[in-house]
Amino acid sequence: MTPDAFPIVGYLPKAENLLHVAGMCGQGLMLGPGLAELITRMIFNELSGDDKKILEGYSIVRDFKDAEIFK
């Protein structure tokens, strides 16, 4: 579980072909269907501008200073 309780979704900068999708904790049922569509677009390199904006919040290199908000 991450400090902000959001999952990690994305490629590592040093391992471009390794896609991480982890840390959904109790929100997997809620986030799963939408993330499945997003991950499919990632794999096929068909991300829209909105997709890229969403992925910023799930990046493994994001700032984890925020606390969990879905308690």
Protein backbone atom coordinates (compact mmCIF):
# COMPACT_ATOMS: atom_id res chain seq x y z
CA MET A 1 0.00 0.00 0.00
CA THR A 2 1.34 3.42 -0.90
CA PRO A 3 1.27 6.34 1.55
CA ASP A 4 -1.40 8.14 -0.50
CA ALA A 5 -3.37 4.87 -1.05
CA PHE A 6 -3.38 5.28 -4.82
CA PRO A 7 -2.03 2.47 -6.98
CA ILE A 8 1.22 2.51 -8.89
CA VAL A 9 0.61 2.27 -12.63
CA GLY A 10 3.26 2.88 -15.23
CA TYR A 11 6.62 2.08 -16.67
CA LEU A 12 9.82 2.62 -14.73
CA PRO A 13 12.13 5.19 -16.33
CA LYS A 14 15.04 2.70 -16.36
CA ALA A 15 12.97 -0.32 -17.46
CA GLU A 16 10.73 0.96 -20.24
CA ASN A 17 9.18 -2.41 -21.07
CA LEU A 18 8.24 -3.31 -17.49
CA LEU A 19 4.70 -2.13 -16.72
CA HIS A 20 3.85 -1.89 -13.02
CA VAL A 21 0.23 -2.19 -11.89
CA ALA A 22 0.14 -2.66 -8.13
CA GLY A 23 -1.11 -1.34 -4.82
CA MET A 24 -4.84 -1.08 -5.37
CA CYS A 25 -5.52 -2.34 -1.86
CA GLY A 26 -9.23 -2.06 -1.07
CA GLN A 27 -9.94 0.13 -4.09
CA GLY A 28 -9.22 -2.53 -6.69
CA LEU A 29 -12.90 -3.27 -7.28
CA MET A 30 -13.65 0.43 -7.76
CA LEU A 31 -10.59 1.29 -9.88
CA GLY A 32 -10.12 -2.04 -11.67
CA PRO A 33 -12.42 -1.61 -14.69
CA GLY A 34 -11.17 1.87 -15.54
CA LEU A 35 -7.55 0.94 -15.00
CA ALA A 36 -7.99 -2.11 -17.23
CA GLU A 37 -9.02 0.16 -20.10
CA LEU A 38 -6.17 2.55 -19.36
CA ILE A 39 -3.60 -0.25 -19.19
CA THR A 40 -4.84 -1.64 -22.51
CA ARG A 41 -4.24 1.75 -24.13
CA MET A 42 -0.79 1.89 -22.50
CA ILE A 43 0.17 -1.50 -23.94
CA PHE A 44 -1.01 -0.55 -27.42
CA ASN A 45 0.58 2.94 -27.13
CA GLU A 46 -2.78 4.67 -27.69
CA LEU A 47 -2.84 7.04 -24.70
CA SER A 48 -4.80 10.27 -25.02
CA GLY A 49 -3.84 13.52 -23.35
CA ASP A 50 -6.39 12.82 -20.61
CA ASP A 51 -4.93 9.35 -20.07
CA LYS A 52 -1.45 10.80 -19.58
CA LYS A 53 -2.81 13.32 -17.09
CA ILE A 54 -4.50 10.53 -15.08
CA LEU A 55 -1.33 8.44 -15.11
CA GLU A 56 0.66 11.27 -13.50
CA GLY A 57 -1.28 10.63 -10.29
CA TYR A 58 -0.38 6.93 -10.38
CA SER A 59 3.28 7.28 -11.34
CA ILE A 60 5.86 5.33 -9.36
CA VAL A 61 8.03 8.47 -9.29
CA ARG A 62 5.29 10.75 -7.96
CA ASP A 63 5.56 12.70 -4.72
CA PHE A 64 4.10 10.53 -1.95
CA LYS A 65 3.69 13.41 0.52
CA ASP A 66 -0.14 13.31 0.43
CA ALA A 67 -2.04 11.19 2.92
CA GLU A 68 -4.77 8.68 2.10
CA ILE A 69 -8.05 10.41 1.23
CA PHE A 70 -10.36 7.39 0.69
CA LYS A 71 -10.75 6.22 4.30
